[in-house]
């Protein structure tokens, strides 16, 4: 489960995908299947959350990893590459890495 907390030592990878509305569900299916079959077994994986824009043009993957090194290793993992190819056929990804600076709740 994702935990958004300044004191939780993770690196957050936020990948925003631009997609045609007719391909949004297909992209979601690929991302969920990839997470279940591959990503959750990769060392350093903490959590993944998939968000779909209401207008159908974006999908966001909010994923937490133990470290930047774990993300780099995942990106170089040959088991992950076929899924990246599938995604790039229907969407334009924009991946960035973040750390939590501030979090507040009611």
N, C-alpha and C. Protein backbone atom coordinates (compact mmCIF):
# COMPACT_ATOMS: atom_id res chain seq x y z
N UNK A 1 0.84 -1.17 0.00
CA UNK A 1 0.00 0.00 0.00
C UNK A 1 0.89 1.24 0.00
N UNK A 2 0.52 2.19 -0.80
CA UNK A 2 1.28 3.44 -0.84
C UNK A 2 1.10 4.20 0.46
N UNK A 3 2.19 4.80 0.87
CA UNK A 3 2.17 5.66 2.04
C UNK A 3 2.86 6.96 1.64
N UNK A 4 2.12 8.05 1.68
CA UNK A 4 2.69 9.35 1.33
C UNK A 4 3.01 10.07 2.63
N UNK A 5 4.30 10.10 2.95
CA UNK A 5 4.75 10.61 4.23
C UNK A 5 6.20 11.09 4.08
N UNK A 6 6.48 12.26 4.58
CA UNK A 6 7.82 12.84 4.49
C UNK A 6 8.86 11.91 5.10
N UNK A 7 8.49 11.17 6.13
CA UNK A 7 9.43 10.29 6.82
C UNK A 7 9.49 8.88 6.24
N UNK A 8 8.75 8.62 5.18
CA UNK A 8 8.76 7.29 4.54
C UNK A 8 9.80 7.32 3.42
N UNK A 9 10.90 6.61 3.59
CA UNK A 9 12.03 6.74 2.66
C UNK A 9 11.83 5.95 1.35
N UNK A 10 11.07 6.51 0.45
CA UNK A 10 10.87 5.90 -0.86
C UNK A 10 11.13 6.94 -1.95
N UNK A 11 11.31 6.44 -3.16
CA UNK A 11 11.36 7.31 -4.32
C UNK A 11 10.06 7.06 -5.09
N UNK A 12 9.39 8.14 -5.44
CA UNK A 12 8.13 8.02 -6.17
C UNK A 12 8.38 8.27 -7.64
N UNK A 13 7.97 7.31 -8.45
CA UNK A 13 8.05 7.47 -9.90
C UNK A 13 6.65 7.79 -10.38
N UNK A 14 6.49 8.98 -10.94
CA UNK A 14 5.20 9.37 -11.50
C UNK A 14 5.36 9.39 -13.01
N UNK A 15 4.60 8.52 -13.66
CA UNK A 15 4.67 8.41 -15.11
C UNK A 15 3.31 8.82 -15.66
N UNK A 16 3.28 9.92 -16.39
CA UNK A 16 2.06 10.42 -17.00
C UNK A 16 2.07 10.02 -18.46
N UNK A 17 1.02 9.34 -18.87
CA UNK A 17 0.90 8.86 -20.24
C UNK A 17 -0.17 9.66 -20.97
N UNK A 18 0.18 10.19 -22.12
CA UNK A 18 -0.79 10.84 -22.99
C UNK A 18 -1.30 9.77 -23.95
N UNK A 19 -2.63 9.66 -24.06
CA UNK A 19 -3.22 8.57 -24.81
C UNK A 19 -4.50 9.05 -25.49
N UNK A 20 -4.83 8.46 -26.62
CA UNK A 20 -6.12 8.75 -27.25
C UNK A 20 -7.21 8.12 -26.39
N UNK A 21 -8.34 8.78 -26.23
CA UNK A 21 -9.40 8.25 -25.37
C UNK A 21 -9.80 6.81 -25.68
N UNK A 22 -9.79 6.44 -26.95
CA UNK A 22 -10.19 5.08 -27.31
C UNK A 22 -9.15 4.04 -26.87
N UNK A 23 -7.94 4.48 -26.49
CA UNK A 23 -6.88 3.57 -26.05
C UNK A 23 -6.65 3.60 -24.54
N UNK A 24 -7.39 4.44 -23.82
CA UNK A 24 -7.13 4.59 -22.40
C UNK A 24 -7.29 3.27 -21.65
N UNK A 25 -8.40 2.56 -21.87
CA UNK A 25 -8.63 1.32 -21.13
C UNK A 25 -7.59 0.25 -21.48
N UNK A 26 -7.19 0.20 -22.75
CA UNK A 26 -6.15 -0.76 -23.16
C UNK A 26 -4.84 -0.47 -22.43
N UNK A 27 -4.49 0.80 -22.33
CA UNK A 27 -3.28 1.19 -21.60
C UNK A 27 -3.38 0.80 -20.13
N UNK A 28 -4.52 1.06 -19.52
CA UNK A 28 -4.73 0.69 -18.13
C UNK A 28 -4.56 -0.82 -17.96
N UNK A 29 -5.14 -1.59 -18.87
CA UNK A 29 -5.02 -3.05 -18.79
C UNK A 29 -3.57 -3.50 -18.87
N UNK A 30 -2.79 -2.89 -19.76
CA UNK A 30 -1.37 -3.23 -19.89
C UNK A 30 -0.62 -2.89 -18.60
N UNK A 31 -0.87 -1.71 -18.05
CA UNK A 31 -0.17 -1.28 -16.84
C UNK A 31 -0.52 -2.17 -15.64
N UNK A 32 -1.78 -2.51 -15.51
CA UNK A 32 -2.19 -3.37 -14.39
C UNK A 32 -1.59 -4.76 -14.55
N UNK A 33 -1.69 -5.33 -15.74
CA UNK A 33 -1.12 -6.66 -15.99
C UNK A 33 0.39 -6.67 -15.76
N UNK A 34 1.07 -5.64 -16.21
CA UNK A 34 2.51 -5.53 -16.01
C UNK A 34 2.85 -5.46 -14.52
N UNK A 35 2.07 -4.69 -13.78
CA UNK A 35 2.30 -4.56 -12.35
C UNK A 35 2.11 -5.90 -11.65
N UNK A 36 1.03 -6.59 -11.97
CA UNK A 36 0.71 -7.87 -11.32
C UNK A 36 1.71 -8.97 -11.70
N UNK A 37 2.07 -9.04 -12.99
CA UNK A 37 2.89 -10.16 -13.45
C UNK A 37 4.39 -9.92 -13.35
N UNK A 38 4.82 -8.66 -13.36
CA UNK A 38 6.25 -8.37 -13.41
C UNK A 38 6.70 -7.43 -12.28
N UNK A 39 6.17 -6.23 -12.26
CA UNK A 39 6.70 -5.18 -11.38
C UNK A 39 6.68 -5.56 -9.90
N UNK A 40 5.59 -6.17 -9.45
CA UNK A 40 5.50 -6.47 -8.01
C UNK A 40 6.52 -7.51 -7.58
N UNK A 41 7.17 -8.16 -8.55
CA UNK A 41 8.20 -9.16 -8.24
C UNK A 41 9.62 -8.59 -8.38
N UNK A 42 9.74 -7.37 -8.87
CA UNK A 42 11.05 -6.74 -9.07
C UNK A 42 11.54 -6.22 -7.72
N UNK A 43 12.80 -6.52 -7.36
CA UNK A 43 13.33 -6.02 -6.09
C UNK A 43 13.20 -4.50 -5.96
N UNK A 44 12.76 -4.06 -4.81
CA UNK A 44 12.64 -2.63 -4.53
C UNK A 44 11.25 -2.07 -4.77
N UNK A 45 10.36 -2.85 -5.40
CA UNK A 45 9.00 -2.39 -5.65
C UNK A 45 8.26 -2.24 -4.33
N UNK A 46 7.56 -1.12 -4.16
CA UNK A 46 6.77 -0.87 -2.95
C UNK A 46 5.28 -0.87 -3.28
N UNK A 47 4.87 -0.08 -4.28
CA UNK A 47 3.45 0.02 -4.59
C UNK A 47 3.25 0.67 -5.96
N UNK A 48 2.06 0.50 -6.50
CA UNK A 48 1.68 1.17 -7.75
C UNK A 48 0.22 1.55 -7.67
N UNK A 49 -0.09 2.69 -8.24
CA UNK A 49 -1.47 3.20 -8.30
C UNK A 49 -1.69 3.76 -9.69
N UNK A 50 -2.74 3.31 -10.35
CA UNK A 50 -3.05 3.75 -11.71
C UNK A 50 -4.25 4.69 -11.63
N UNK A 51 -4.11 5.85 -12.25
CA UNK A 51 -5.18 6.86 -12.28
C UNK A 51 -5.55 7.15 -13.73
N UNK A 52 -6.84 7.27 -14.00
CA UNK A 52 -7.32 7.58 -15.34
C UNK A 52 -7.99 8.95 -15.34
N UNK A 53 -7.60 9.80 -16.28
CA UNK A 53 -8.25 11.11 -16.37
C UNK A 53 -9.69 10.92 -16.85
N UNK A 54 -10.55 11.78 -16.38
CA UNK A 54 -11.96 11.68 -16.73
C UNK A 54 -12.23 11.98 -18.20
N UNK A 55 -11.34 12.73 -18.84
CA UNK A 55 -11.53 13.03 -20.26
C UNK A 55 -10.94 11.96 -21.18
N UNK A 56 -10.29 10.94 -20.59
CA UNK A 56 -9.78 9.82 -21.38
C UNK A 56 -8.43 10.03 -22.03
N UNK A 57 -7.80 11.19 -21.83
CA UNK A 57 -6.56 11.51 -22.54
C UNK A 57 -5.28 11.26 -21.75
N UNK A 58 -5.41 10.90 -20.48
CA UNK A 58 -4.23 10.68 -19.65
C UNK A 58 -4.43 9.46 -18.75
N UNK A 59 -3.30 8.82 -18.45
CA UNK A 59 -3.23 7.79 -17.41
C UNK A 59 -1.98 8.12 -16.62
N UNK A 60 -2.09 8.04 -15.31
CA UNK A 60 -0.95 8.31 -14.44
C UNK A 60 -0.65 7.06 -13.62
N UNK A 61 0.62 6.69 -13.61
CA UNK A 61 1.08 5.59 -12.76
C UNK A 61 1.91 6.23 -11.65
N UNK A 62 1.41 6.14 -10.43
CA UNK A 62 2.10 6.65 -9.25
C UNK A 62 2.69 5.44 -8.54
N UNK A 63 3.99 5.24 -8.69
CA UNK A 63 4.64 4.04 -8.16
C UNK A 63 5.72 4.42 -7.15
N UNK A 64 5.81 3.66 -6.08
CA UNK A 64 6.84 3.89 -5.08
C UNK A 64 7.86 2.76 -5.13
N UNK A 65 9.12 3.15 -5.02
CA UNK A 65 10.25 2.21 -5.04
C UNK A 65 11.14 2.51 -3.85
N UNK A 66 11.87 1.51 -3.40
CA UNK A 66 12.74 1.67 -2.24
C UNK A 66 13.85 2.69 -2.47
N UNK A 67 14.34 2.80 -3.73
CA UNK A 67 15.44 3.73 -4.01
C UNK A 67 15.53 4.02 -5.50
N UNK A 68 16.28 5.03 -5.82
CA UNK A 68 16.56 5.38 -7.22
C UNK A 68 17.29 4.23 -7.91
N UNK A 69 18.17 3.55 -7.18
CA UNK A 69 18.91 2.42 -7.75
C UNK A 69 17.97 1.28 -8.13
N UNK A 70 16.93 1.06 -7.34
CA UNK A 70 15.95 0.03 -7.68
C UNK A 70 15.18 0.39 -8.95
N UNK A 71 14.86 1.67 -9.11
CA UNK A 71 14.17 2.10 -10.33
C UNK A 71 15.08 1.88 -11.53
N UNK A 72 16.34 2.25 -11.42
CA UNK A 72 17.29 2.06 -12.51
C UNK A 72 17.42 0.59 -12.88
N UNK A 73 17.51 -0.27 -11.88
CA UNK A 73 17.61 -1.71 -12.14
C UNK A 73 16.35 -2.21 -12.84
N UNK A 74 15.18 -1.74 -12.42
CA UNK A 74 13.92 -2.14 -13.06
C UNK A 74 13.91 -1.70 -14.52
N UNK A 75 14.35 -0.48 -14.78
CA UNK A 75 14.35 0.04 -16.15
C UNK A 75 15.30 -0.74 -17.06
N UNK A 76 16.30 -1.36 -16.48
CA UNK A 76 17.25 -2.17 -17.24
C UNK A 76 16.91 -3.66 -17.25
N UNK A 77 15.84 -4.04 -16.59
CA UNK A 77 15.44 -5.45 -16.49
C UNK A 77 14.82 -5.91 -17.81
N UNK A 78 15.39 -6.93 -18.47
CA UNK A 78 14.86 -7.38 -19.76
C UNK A 78 13.43 -7.92 -19.69
N UNK A 79 12.98 -8.37 -18.52
CA UNK A 79 11.60 -8.85 -18.39
C UNK A 79 10.58 -7.72 -18.47
N UNK A 80 11.03 -6.50 -18.25
CA UNK A 80 10.14 -5.34 -18.25
C UNK A 80 10.01 -4.75 -19.66
N UNK A 81 11.01 -4.86 -20.47
CA UNK A 81 11.07 -4.20 -21.78
C UNK A 81 9.91 -4.50 -22.72
N UNK A 82 9.43 -5.75 -22.82
CA UNK A 82 8.29 -5.99 -23.73
C UNK A 82 7.06 -5.16 -23.36
N UNK A 83 6.87 -4.92 -22.08
CA UNK A 83 5.73 -4.14 -21.63
C UNK A 83 5.90 -2.67 -22.00
N UNK A 84 7.13 -2.17 -21.92
CA UNK A 84 7.40 -0.79 -22.33
C UNK A 84 7.06 -0.62 -23.81
N UNK A 85 7.40 -1.61 -24.62
CA UNK A 85 7.12 -1.56 -26.06
C UNK A 85 5.62 -1.48 -26.30
N UNK A 86 4.85 -2.32 -25.60
CA UNK A 86 3.39 -2.30 -25.74
C UNK A 86 2.82 -0.92 -25.39
N UNK A 87 3.30 -0.35 -24.33
CA UNK A 87 2.81 0.96 -23.88
C UNK A 87 3.12 2.03 -24.92
N UNK A 88 4.34 2.05 -25.42
CA UNK A 88 4.75 3.09 -26.37
C UNK A 88 4.02 3.00 -27.70
N UNK A 89 3.42 1.85 -27.99
CA UNK A 89 2.65 1.71 -29.23
C UNK A 89 1.36 2.51 -29.18
N UNK A 90 0.83 2.79 -27.98
CA UNK A 90 -0.45 3.48 -27.89
C UNK A 90 -0.41 4.75 -27.04
N UNK A 91 0.72 5.04 -26.38
CA UNK A 91 0.77 6.19 -25.48
C UNK A 91 2.15 6.83 -25.49
N UNK A 92 2.18 8.09 -25.03
CA UNK A 92 3.43 8.82 -24.89
C UNK A 92 3.71 9.02 -23.39
N UNK A 93 4.72 8.28 -22.86
CA UNK A 93 5.01 8.39 -21.43
C UNK A 93 5.91 9.59 -21.11
N UNK A 94 5.75 10.11 -19.91
CA UNK A 94 6.61 11.16 -19.38
C UNK A 94 6.89 10.80 -17.92
N UNK A 95 8.05 10.18 -17.68
CA UNK A 95 8.40 9.64 -16.36
C UNK A 95 9.35 10.58 -15.63
N UNK A 96 9.02 10.84 -14.35
CA UNK A 96 9.88 11.63 -13.47
C UNK A 96 9.93 10.96 -12.11
N UNK A 97 11.00 11.24 -11.37
CA UNK A 97 11.19 10.67 -10.02
C UNK A 97 11.09 11.79 -9.00
N UNK A 98 10.43 11.48 -7.86
CA UNK A 98 10.14 12.49 -6.85
C UNK A 98 10.41 11.96 -5.46
N UNK A 99 10.53 12.89 -4.52
CA UNK A 99 10.52 12.55 -3.10
C UNK A 99 9.45 13.42 -2.45
N UNK A 100 8.87 12.93 -1.39
CA UNK A 100 7.81 13.67 -0.70
C UNK A 100 8.44 14.80 0.11
N UNK A 101 7.95 16.00 -0.08
CA UNK A 101 8.44 17.17 0.63
C UNK A 101 7.46 17.60 1.73
N UNK A 102 6.18 17.45 1.44
CA UNK A 102 5.15 17.88 2.39
C UNK A 102 3.91 17.04 2.20
N UNK A 103 3.27 16.70 3.30
CA UNK A 103 2.01 15.96 3.24
C UNK A 103 1.15 16.37 4.44
N UNK A 104 -0.13 16.56 4.21
CA UNK A 104 -1.05 16.97 5.26
C UNK A 104 -2.37 16.25 5.05
N UNK A 105 -3.08 15.97 6.12
CA UNK A 105 -4.40 15.38 5.98
C UNK A 105 -5.36 16.00 6.98
N UNK A 106 -6.64 15.88 6.71
CA UNK A 106 -7.67 16.48 7.56
C UNK A 106 -7.81 15.69 8.85
